[in-house]
Amino acid sequence: MKYWEKPFGREKPQVFQGSINIFKDRCKGCGFCIEFCPNNVLDFSNEFNKKGYHPPEIIFTKKCTYCGLCESICPDSAIFVIREEVK
């Protein structure tokens, strides 16, 4: 075995940057995005939306890996992630 080879013959995983966008008036405050975020990036905000719920807000932007789990788990499509590759 050659020690200078890549581990398991694979490339290093890609690093993503991007942004998290929240439609506050579309949110119903279920908290799925907050509960299932692997890095605890989101939390409930103190403000109310038009429906009277507390929408999520981004607390730790630097901890976000832009995995998109919050986007896929949201039942109202109130949150979406835009990913950009870092070269």
PDB file of N, CA and C in Angstrom:
ATOM      1  N   MET A   1       0.837  -1.178   0.000  1.00  0.00           N
ATOM      2  CA  MET A   1       0.000   0.000   0.000  1.00  0.00           C
ATOM      3  C   MET A   1       0.884   1.243   0.000  1.00  0.00           C
ATOM      4  N   LYS A   2       0.505   2.202  -0.801  1.00  0.00           N
ATOM      5  CA  LYS A   2       1.254   3.448  -0.864  1.00  0.00           C
ATOM      6  C   LYS A   2       0.637   4.444   0.110  1.00  0.00           C
ATOM      7  N   TYR A   3       1.468   5.048   0.929  1.00  0.00           N
ATOM      8  CA  TYR A   3       0.960   5.948   1.952  1.00  0.00           C
ATOM      9  C   TYR A   3       0.541   7.302   1.406  1.00  0.00           C
ATOM     10  N   TRP A   4       0.958   7.650   0.220  1.00  0.00           N
ATOM     11  CA  TRP A   4       0.612   8.961  -0.332  1.00  0.00           C
ATOM     12  C   TRP A   4      -0.679   8.912  -1.146  1.00  0.00           C
ATOM     13  N   GLU A   5      -1.331   7.762  -1.206  1.00  0.00           N
ATOM     14  CA  GLU A   5      -2.600   7.671  -1.922  1.00  0.00           C
ATOM     15  C   GLU A   5      -3.713   8.300  -1.107  1.00  0.00           C
ATOM     16  N   LYS A   6      -4.789   8.611  -1.776  1.00  0.00           N
ATOM     17  CA  LYS A   6      -5.967   9.171  -1.114  1.00  0.00           C
ATOM     18  C   LYS A   6      -6.628   8.088  -0.278  1.00  0.00           C
ATOM     19  N   PRO A   7      -7.181   8.440   0.872  1.00  0.00           N
ATOM     20  CA  PRO A   7      -7.829   7.419   1.698  1.00  0.00           C
ATOM     21  C   PRO A   7      -9.026   6.810   0.989  1.00  0.00           C
ATOM     22  N   PHE A   8      -9.016   5.504   0.910  1.00  0.00           N
ATOM     23  CA  PHE A   8     -10.078   4.734   0.266  1.00  0.00           C
ATOM     24  C   PHE A   8     -10.264   5.100  -1.203  1.00  0.00           C
ATOM     25  N   GLY A   9      -9.267   5.737  -1.805  1.00  0.00           N
ATOM     26  CA  GLY A   9      -9.330   6.074  -3.223  1.00  0.00           C
ATOM     27  C   GLY A   9     -10.340   7.145  -3.566  1.00  0.00           C
ATOM     28  N   ARG A  10     -10.692   7.985  -2.604  1.00  0.00           N
ATOM     29  CA  ARG A  10     -11.714   9.011  -2.828  1.00  0.00           C
ATOM     30  C   ARG A  10     -11.129  10.406  -2.706  1.00  0.00           C
ATOM     31  N   GLU A  11     -11.853  11.330  -3.315  1.00  0.00           N
ATOM     32  CA  GLU A  11     -11.483  12.738  -3.231  1.00  0.00           C
ATOM     33  C   GLU A  11     -11.921  13.305  -1.880  1.00  0.00           C
ATOM     34  N   LYS A  12     -11.373  14.428  -1.531  1.00  0.00           N
ATOM     35  CA  LYS A  12     -11.792  15.119  -0.324  1.00  0.00           C
ATOM     36  C   LYS A  12     -13.201  15.670  -0.553  1.00  0.00           C
ATOM     37  N   PRO A  13     -14.086  15.642   0.444  1.00  0.00           N
ATOM     38  CA  PRO A  13     -15.450  16.128   0.236  1.00  0.00           C
ATOM     39  C   PRO A  13     -15.473  17.616  -0.102  1.00  0.00           C
ATOM     40  N   GLN A  14     -16.455  17.989  -0.919  1.00  0.00           N
ATOM     41  CA  GLN A  14     -16.580  19.378  -1.324  1.00  0.00           C
ATOM     42  C   GLN A  14     -17.070  20.235  -0.162  1.00  0.00           C
ATOM     43  N   VAL A  15     -16.577  21.453  -0.125  1.00  0.00           N
ATOM     44  CA  VAL A  15     -17.009  22.411   0.877  1.00  0.00           C
ATOM     45  C   VAL A  15     -17.974  23.375   0.196  1.00  0.00           C
ATOM     46  N   PHE A  16     -19.123  23.603   0.828  1.00  0.00           N
ATOM     47  CA  PHE A  16     -20.127  24.477   0.254  1.00  0.00           C
ATOM     48  C   PHE A  16     -20.274  25.735   1.090  1.00  0.00           C
ATOM     49  N   GLN A  17     -20.581  26.804   0.425  1.00  0.00           N
ATOM     50  CA  GLN A  17     -20.991  28.058   1.046  1.00  0.00           C
ATOM     51  C   GLN A  17     -22.335  28.400   0.448  1.00  0.00           C
ATOM     52  N   GLY A  18     -23.001  29.371   0.977  1.00  0.00           N
ATOM     53  CA  GLY A  18     -24.284  29.744   0.414  1.00  0.00           C
ATOM     54  C   GLY A  18     -25.065  30.622   1.355  1.00  0.00           C
ATOM     55  N   SER A  19     -26.382  30.492   1.262  1.00  0.00           N
ATOM     56  CA  SER A  19     -27.249  31.290   2.112  1.00  0.00           C
ATOM     57  C   SER A  19     -28.524  30.516   2.428  1.00  0.00           C
ATOM     58  N   ILE A  20     -29.109  30.835   3.567  1.00  0.00           N
ATOM     59  CA  ILE A  20     -30.386  30.260   3.981  1.00  0.00           C
ATOM     60  C   ILE A  20     -31.424  31.367   3.872  1.00  0.00           C
ATOM     61  N   ASN A  21     -32.506  31.097   3.168  1.00  0.00           N
ATOM     62  CA  ASN A  21     -33.560  32.087   2.975  1.00  0.00           C
ATOM     63  C   ASN A  21     -34.845  31.579   3.610  1.00  0.00           C
ATOM     64  N   ILE A  22     -35.509  32.453   4.351  1.00  0.00           N
ATOM     65  CA  ILE A  22     -36.717  32.075   5.071  1.00  0.00           C
ATOM     66  C   ILE A  22     -37.861  32.997   4.649  1.00  0.00           C
ATOM     67  N   PHE A  23     -38.970  32.393   4.217  1.00  0.00           N
ATOM     68  CA  PHE A  23     -40.195  33.141   3.971  1.00  0.00           C
ATOM     69  C   PHE A  23     -40.956  33.175   5.294  1.00  0.00           C
ATOM     70  N   LYS A  24     -40.830  34.261   6.023  1.00  0.00           N
ATOM     71  CA  LYS A  24     -41.380  34.320   7.382  1.00  0.00           C
ATOM     72  C   LYS A  24     -42.893  34.238   7.408  1.00  0.00           C
ATOM     73  N   ASP A  25     -43.567  34.807   6.406  1.00  0.00           N
ATOM     74  CA  ASP A  25     -45.028  34.798   6.409  1.00  0.00           C
ATOM     75  C   ASP A  25     -45.604  33.449   5.990  1.00  0.00           C
ATOM     76  N   ARG A  26     -44.812  32.596   5.393  1.00  0.00           N
ATOM     77  CA  ARG A  26     -45.267  31.267   4.994  1.00  0.00           C
ATOM     78  C   ARG A  26     -45.129  30.252   6.124  1.00  0.00           C
ATOM     79  N   CYS A  27     -44.317  30.556   7.114  1.00  0.00           N
ATOM     80  CA  CYS A  27     -44.015  29.626   8.210  1.00  0.00           C
ATOM     81  C   CYS A  27     -45.202  29.494   9.163  1.00  0.00           C
ATOM     82  N   LYS A  28     -45.457  28.269   9.640  1.00  0.00           N
ATOM     83  CA  LYS A  28     -46.507  28.042  10.631  1.00  0.00           C
ATOM     84  C   LYS A  28     -45.947  27.690  12.000  1.00  0.00           C
ATOM     85  N   GLY A  29     -44.641  27.807  12.178  1.00  0.00           N
ATOM     86  CA  GLY A  29     -44.026  27.641  13.485  1.00  0.00           C
ATOM     87  C   GLY A  29     -43.951  26.221  13.992  1.00  0.00           C
ATOM     88  N   CYS A  30     -43.868  25.233  13.107  1.00  0.00           N
ATOM     89  CA  CYS A  30     -43.836  23.834  13.550  1.00  0.00           C
ATOM     90  C   CYS A  30     -42.518  23.480  14.238  1.00  0.00           C
ATOM     91  N   GLY A  31     -41.421  24.130  13.847  1.00  0.00           N
ATOM     92  CA  GLY A  31     -40.133  23.904  14.486  1.00  0.00           C
ATOM     93  C   GLY A  31     -39.359  22.711  13.984  1.00  0.00           C
ATOM     94  N   PHE A  32     -39.799  22.072  12.899  1.00  0.00           N
ATOM     95  CA  PHE A  32     -39.060  20.920  12.359  1.00  0.00           C
ATOM     96  C   PHE A  32     -37.656  21.313  11.923  1.00  0.00           C
ATOM     97  N   CYS A  33     -37.526  22.462  11.274  1.00  0.00           N
ATOM     98  CA  CYS A  33     -36.211  22.897  10.796  1.00  0.00           C
ATOM     99  C   CYS A  33     -35.260  23.144  11.963  1.00  0.00           C
ATOM    100  N   ILE A  34     -35.777  23.630  13.066  1.00  0.00           N
ATOM    101  CA  ILE A  34     -34.954  23.902  14.240  1.00  0.00           C
ATOM    102  C   ILE A  34     -34.576  22.605  14.953  1.00  0.00           C
ATOM    103  N   GLU A  35     -35.527  21.717  15.074  1.00  0.00           N
ATOM    104  CA  GLU A  35     -35.308  20.476  15.813  1.00  0.00           C
ATOM    105  C   GLU A  35     -34.353  19.523  15.104  1.00  0.00           C
ATOM    106  N   PHE A  36     -34.442  19.432  13.784  1.00  0.00           N
ATOM    107  CA  PHE A  36     -33.662  18.440  13.050  1.00  0.00           C
ATOM    108  C   PHE A  36     -32.390  18.991  12.410  1.00  0.00           C
ATOM    109  N   CYS A  37     -32.059  20.232  12.648  1.00  0.00           N
ATOM    110  CA  CYS A  37     -30.810  20.790  12.111  1.00  0.00           C
ATOM    111  C   CYS A  37     -29.630  20.123  12.815  1.00  0.00           C
ATOM    112  N   PRO A  38     -28.714  19.500  12.069  1.00  0.00           N
ATOM    113  CA  PRO A  38     -27.608  18.777  12.711  1.00  0.00           C
ATOM    114  C   PRO A  38     -26.607  19.678  13.437  1.00  0.00           C
ATOM    115  N   ASN A  39     -26.558  20.969  13.069  1.00  0.00           N
ATOM    116  CA  ASN A  39     -25.580  21.874  13.674  1.00  0.00           C
ATOM    117  C   ASN A  39     -26.209  22.952  14.545  1.00  0.00           C
ATOM    118  N   ASN A  40     -27.516  22.869  14.790  1.00  0.00           N
ATOM    119  CA  ASN A  40     -28.237  23.844  15.627  1.00  0.00           C
ATOM    120  C   ASN A  40     -28.013  25.280  15.160  1.00  0.00           C
ATOM    121  N   VAL A  41     -28.237  25.497  13.887  1.00  0.00           N
ATOM    122  CA  VAL A  41     -28.042  26.810  13.278  1.00  0.00           C
ATOM    123  C   VAL A  41     -29.255  27.716  13.498  1.00  0.00           C
ATOM    124  N   LEU A  42     -30.444  27.141  13.576  1.00  0.00           N
ATOM    125  CA  LEU A  42     -31.685  27.910  13.640  1.00  0.00           C
ATOM    126  C   LEU A  42     -32.282  27.901  15.044  1.00  0.00           C
ATOM    127  N   ASP A  43     -33.078  28.931  15.326  1.00  0.00           N
ATOM    128  CA  ASP A  43     -33.847  29.005  16.566  1.00  0.00           C
ATOM    129  C   ASP A  43     -35.069  29.876  16.298  1.00  0.00           C
ATOM    130  N   PHE A  44     -36.079  29.797  17.177  1.00  0.00           N
ATOM    131  CA  PHE A  44     -37.269  30.622  17.011  1.00  0.00           C
ATOM    132  C   PHE A  44     -36.919  32.087  17.244  1.00  0.00           C
ATOM    133  N   SER A  45     -37.502  32.962  16.419  1.00  0.00           N
ATOM    134  CA  SER A  45     -37.280  34.398  16.600  1.00  0.00           C
ATOM    135  C   SER A  45     -38.291  34.942  17.609  1.00  0.00           C
ATOM    136  N   ASN A  46     -38.070  36.138  18.065  1.00  0.00           N
ATOM    137  CA  ASN A  46     -38.967  36.768  19.026  1.00  0.00           C
ATOM    138  C   ASN A  46     -40.135  37.480  18.349  1.00  0.00           C
ATOM    139  N   GLU A  47     -40.027  37.722  17.055  1.00  0.00           N
ATOM    140  CA  GLU A  47     -41.083  38.433  16.327  1.00  0.00           C
ATOM    141  C   GLU A  47     -42.150  37.466  15.825  1.00  0.00           C
ATOM    142  N   PHE A  48     -43.291  37.989  15.486  1.00  0.00           N
ATOM    143  CA  PHE A  48     -44.407  37.205  14.965  1.00  0.00           C
ATOM    144  C   PHE A  48     -44.551  37.467  13.470  1.00  0.00           C
ATOM    145  N   ASN A  49     -45.046  36.459  12.730  1.00  0.00           N
ATOM    146  CA  ASN A  49     -45.371  36.668  11.324  1.00  0.00           C
ATOM    147  C   ASN A  49     -46.852  37.026  11.198  1.00  0.00           C
ATOM    148  N   LYS A  50     -47.378  37.109   9.977  1.00  0.00           N
ATOM    149  CA  LYS A  50     -48.778  37.500   9.757  1.00  0.00           C
ATOM    150  C   LYS A  50     -49.768  36.501  10.343  1.00  0.00           C
ATOM    151  N   LYS A  51     -49.362  35.244  10.454  1.00  0.00           N
ATOM    152  CA  LYS A  51     -50.242  34.210  11.002  1.00  0.00           C
ATOM    153  C   LYS A  51     -50.205  34.154  12.525  1.00  0.00           C
ATOM    154  N   GLY A  52     -49.264  34.847  13.127  1.00  0.00           N
ATOM    155  CA  GLY A  52     -49.152  34.857  14.584  1.00  0.00           C
ATOM    156  C   GLY A  52     -48.185  33.839  15.143  1.00  0.00           C
ATOM    157  N   TYR A  53     -47.318  33.281  14.299  1.00  0.00           N
ATOM    158  CA  TYR A  53     -46.340  32.287  14.736  1.00  0.00           C
ATOM    159  C   TYR A  53     -44.941  32.902  14.813  1.00  0.00           C
ATOM    160  N   HIS A  54     -44.082  32.250  15.558  1.00  0.00           N
ATOM    161  CA  HIS A  54     -42.676  32.649  15.619  1.00  0.00           C
ATOM    162  C   HIS A  54     -41.916  31.908  14.524  1.00  0.00           C
ATOM    163  N   PRO A  55     -41.470  32.572  13.464  1.00  0.00           N
ATOM    164  CA  PRO A  55     -40.690  31.895  12.433  1.00  0.00           C
ATOM    165  C   PRO A  55     -39.249  31.666  12.905  1.00  0.00           C
ATOM    166  N   PRO A  56     -38.520  30.784  12.237  1.00  0.00           N
ATOM    167  CA  PRO A  56     -37.118  30.563  12.635  1.00  0.00           C
ATOM    168  C   PRO A  56     -36.233  31.722  12.195  1.00  0.00           C
ATOM    169  N   GLU A  57     -35.115  31.848  12.862  1.00  0.00           N
ATOM    170  CA  GLU A  57     -34.101  32.811  12.460  1.00  0.00           C
ATOM    171  C   GLU A  57     -32.742  32.133  12.517  1.00  0.00           C
ATOM    172  N   ILE A  58     -31.818  32.643  11.756  1.00  0.00           N
ATOM    173  CA  ILE A  58     -30.475  32.071  11.681  1.00  0.00           C
ATOM    174  C   ILE A  58     -29.644  32.660  12.815  1.00  0.00           C
ATOM    175  N   ILE A  59     -29.076  31.775  13.627  1.00  0.00           N
ATOM    176  CA  ILE A  59     -28.284  32.233  14.766  1.00  0.00           C
ATOM    177  C   ILE A  59     -26.787  32.051  14.501  1.00  0.00           C
ATOM    178  N   PHE A  60     -26.402  30.851  14.085  1.00  0.00           N
ATOM    179  CA  PHE A  60     -24.988  30.542  13.868  1.00  0.00           C
ATOM    180  C   PHE A  60     -24.739  30.281  12.378  1.00  0.00           C
ATOM    181  N   THR A  61     -24.495  31.308  11.624  1.00  0.00           N
ATOM    182  CA  THR A  61     -24.272  31.170  10.179  1.00  0.00           C
ATOM    183  C   THR A  61     -22.992  30.396   9.889  1.00  0.00           C
ATOM    184  N   LYS A  62     -21.981  30.581  10.693  1.00  0.00           N
ATOM    185  CA  LYS A  62     -20.688  29.931  10.445  1.00  0.00           C
ATOM    186  C   LYS A  62     -20.732  28.425  10.651  1.00  0.00           C
ATOM    187  N   LYS A  63     -21.663  27.931  11.479  1.00  0.00           N
ATOM    188  CA  LYS A  63     -21.760  26.499  11.738  1.00  0.00           C
ATOM    189  C   LYS A  63     -22.535  25.753  10.650  1.00  0.00           C
ATOM    190  N   CYS A  64     -23.224  26.480   9.774  1.00  0.00           N
ATOM    191  CA  CYS A  64     -24.080  25.846   8.768  1.00  0.00           C
ATOM    192  C   CYS A  64     -23.234  25.181   7.681  1.00  0.00           C
ATOM    193  N   THR A  65     -23.596  23.947   7.339  1.00  0.00           N
ATOM    194  CA  THR A  65     -22.923  23.224   6.263  1.00  0.00           C
ATOM    195  C   THR A  65     -23.743  23.235   4.977  1.00  0.00           C
ATOM    196  N   TYR A  66     -24.891  23.898   4.994  1.00  0.00           N
ATOM    197  CA  TYR A  66     -25.780  24.030   3.836  1.00  0.00           C
ATOM    198  C   TYR A  66     -26.177  22.662   3.294  1.00  0.00           C
ATOM    199  N   CYS A  67     -26.530  21.778   4.213  1.00  0.00           N
ATOM    200  CA  CYS A  67     -26.909  20.413   3.838  1.00  0.00           C
ATOM    201  C   CYS A  67     -28.298  20.369   3.202  1.00  0.00           C
ATOM    202  N   GLY A  68     -29.159  21.327   3.523  1.00  0.00           N
ATOM    203  CA  GLY A  68     -30.488  21.372   2.931  1.00  0.00           C
ATOM    204  C   GLY A  68     -31.528  20.545   3.664  1.00  0.00           C
ATOM    205  N   LEU A  69     -31.202  20.032   4.836  1.00  0.00           N
ATOM    206  CA  LEU A  69     -32.162  19.232   5.596  1.00  0.00           C
ATOM    207  C   LEU A  69     -33.346  20.078   6.037  1.00  0.00           C
ATOM    208  N   CYS A  70     -33.095  21.312   6.426  1.00  0.00           N
ATOM    209  CA  CYS A  70     -34.189  22.201   6.830  1.00  0.00           C
ATOM    210  C   CYS A  70     -35.143  22.447   5.663  1.00  0.00           C
ATOM    211  N   GLU A  71     -34.597  22.560   4.474  1.00  0.00           N
ATOM    212  CA  GLU A  71     -35.408  22.781   3.274  1.00  0.00           C
ATOM    213  C   GLU A  71     -36.266  21.562   2.949  1.00  0.00           C
ATOM    214  N   SER A  72     -35.706  20.390   3.071  1.00  0.00           N
ATOM    215  CA  SER A  72     -36.441  19.181   2.703  1.00  0.00           C
ATOM    216  C   SER A  72     -37.456  18.761   3.758  1.00  0.00           C
ATOM    217  N   ILE A  73     -37.271  19.169   5.011  1.00  0.00           N
ATOM    218  CA  ILE A  73     -38.176  18.738   6.063  1.00  0.00           C
ATOM    219  C   ILE A  73     -39.318  19.736   6.301  1.00  0.00           C
ATOM    220  N   CYS A  74     -39.232  20.928   5.776  1.00  0.00           N
ATOM    221  CA  CYS A  74     -40.248  21.956   5.995  1.00  0.00           C
ATOM    222  C   CYS A  74     -41.533  21.599   5.240  1.00  0.00           C
ATOM    223  N   PRO A  75     -42.670  21.447   5.940  1.00  0.00           N
ATOM    224  CA  PRO A  75     -43.914  21.070   5.262  1.00  0.00           C
ATOM    225  C   PRO A  75     -44.528  22.200   4.445  1.00  0.00           C
ATOM    226  N   ASP A  76     -44.131  23.449   4.694  1.00  0.00           N
ATOM    227  CA  ASP A  76     -44.714  24.589   3.990  1.00  0.00           C
ATOM    228  C   ASP A  76     -43.778  25.229   2.980  1.00  0.00           C
ATOM    229  N   SER A  77     -42.617  24.663   2.768  1.00  0.00           N
ATOM    230  CA  SER A  77     -41.597  25.221   1.864  1.00  0.00           C
ATOM    231  C   SER A  77     -41.297  26.674   2.224  1.00  0.00           C
ATOM    232  N   ALA A  78     -41.154  26.938   3.503  1.00  0.00           N
ATOM    233  CA  ALA A  78     -40.902  28.292   3.971  1.00  0.00           C
ATOM    234  C   ALA A  78     -39.417  28.610   4.081  1.00  0.00           C
ATOM    235  N   ILE A  79     -38.565  27.635   3.860  1.00  0.00           N
ATOM    236  CA  ILE A  79     -37.121  27.840   3.985  1.00  0.00           C
ATOM    237  C   ILE A  79     -36.441  27.139   2.820  1.00  0.00           C
ATOM    238  N   PHE A  80     -35.435  27.792   2.244  1.00  0.00           N
ATOM    239  CA  PHE A  80     -34.664  27.146   1.188  1.00  0.00           C
ATOM    240  C   PHE A  80     -33.211  27.582   1.262  1.00  0.00           C
ATOM    241  N   VAL A  81     -32.352  26.715   0.733  1.00  0.00           N
ATOM    242  CA  VAL A  81     -30.911  26.899   0.820  1.00  0.00           C
ATOM    243  C   VAL A  81     -30.345  27.072  -0.586  1.00  0.00           C
ATOM    244  N   ILE A  82     -29.503  28.071  -0.752  1.00  0.00           N
ATOM    245  CA  ILE A  82     -28.777  28.270  -2.007  1.00  0.00           C
ATOM    246  C   ILE A  82     -27.331  27.880  -1.740  1.00  0.00           C
ATOM    247  N   ARG A  83     -26.835  26.882  -2.503  1.00  0.00           N
ATOM    248  CA  ARG A  83     -25.483  26.382  -2.296  1.00  0.00           C
ATOM    249  C   ARG A  83     -24.561  26.861  -3.400  1.00  0.00           C
ATOM    250  N   GLU A  84     -23.327  27.172  -3.019  1.00  0.00           N
ATOM    251  CA  GLU A  84     -22.285  27.564  -3.954  1.00  0.00           C
ATOM    252  C   GLU A  84     -21.031  26.786  -3.601  1.00  0.00           C
ATOM    253  N   GLU A  85     -20.354  26.264  -4.619  1.00  0.00           N
ATOM    254  CA  GLU A  85     -19.124  25.511  -4.368  1.00  0.00           C
ATOM    255  C   GLU A  85     -17.975  26.465  -4.095  1.00  0.00           C
ATOM    256  N   VAL A  86     -17.122  26.083  -3.170  1.00  0.00           N
ATOM    257  CA  VAL A  86     -15.916  26.839  -2.869  1.00  0.00           C
ATOM    258  C   VAL A  86     -14.759  26.124  -3.524  1.00  0.00           C
ATOM    259  N   LYS A  87     -14.003  26.832  -4.330  1.00  0.00           N
ATOM    260  CA  LYS A  87     -12.896  26.194  -5.050  1.00  0.00           C
ATOM    261  C   LYS A  87     -11.577  26.531  -4.409  1.00  0.00           C
TER     262      LYS A  87
END
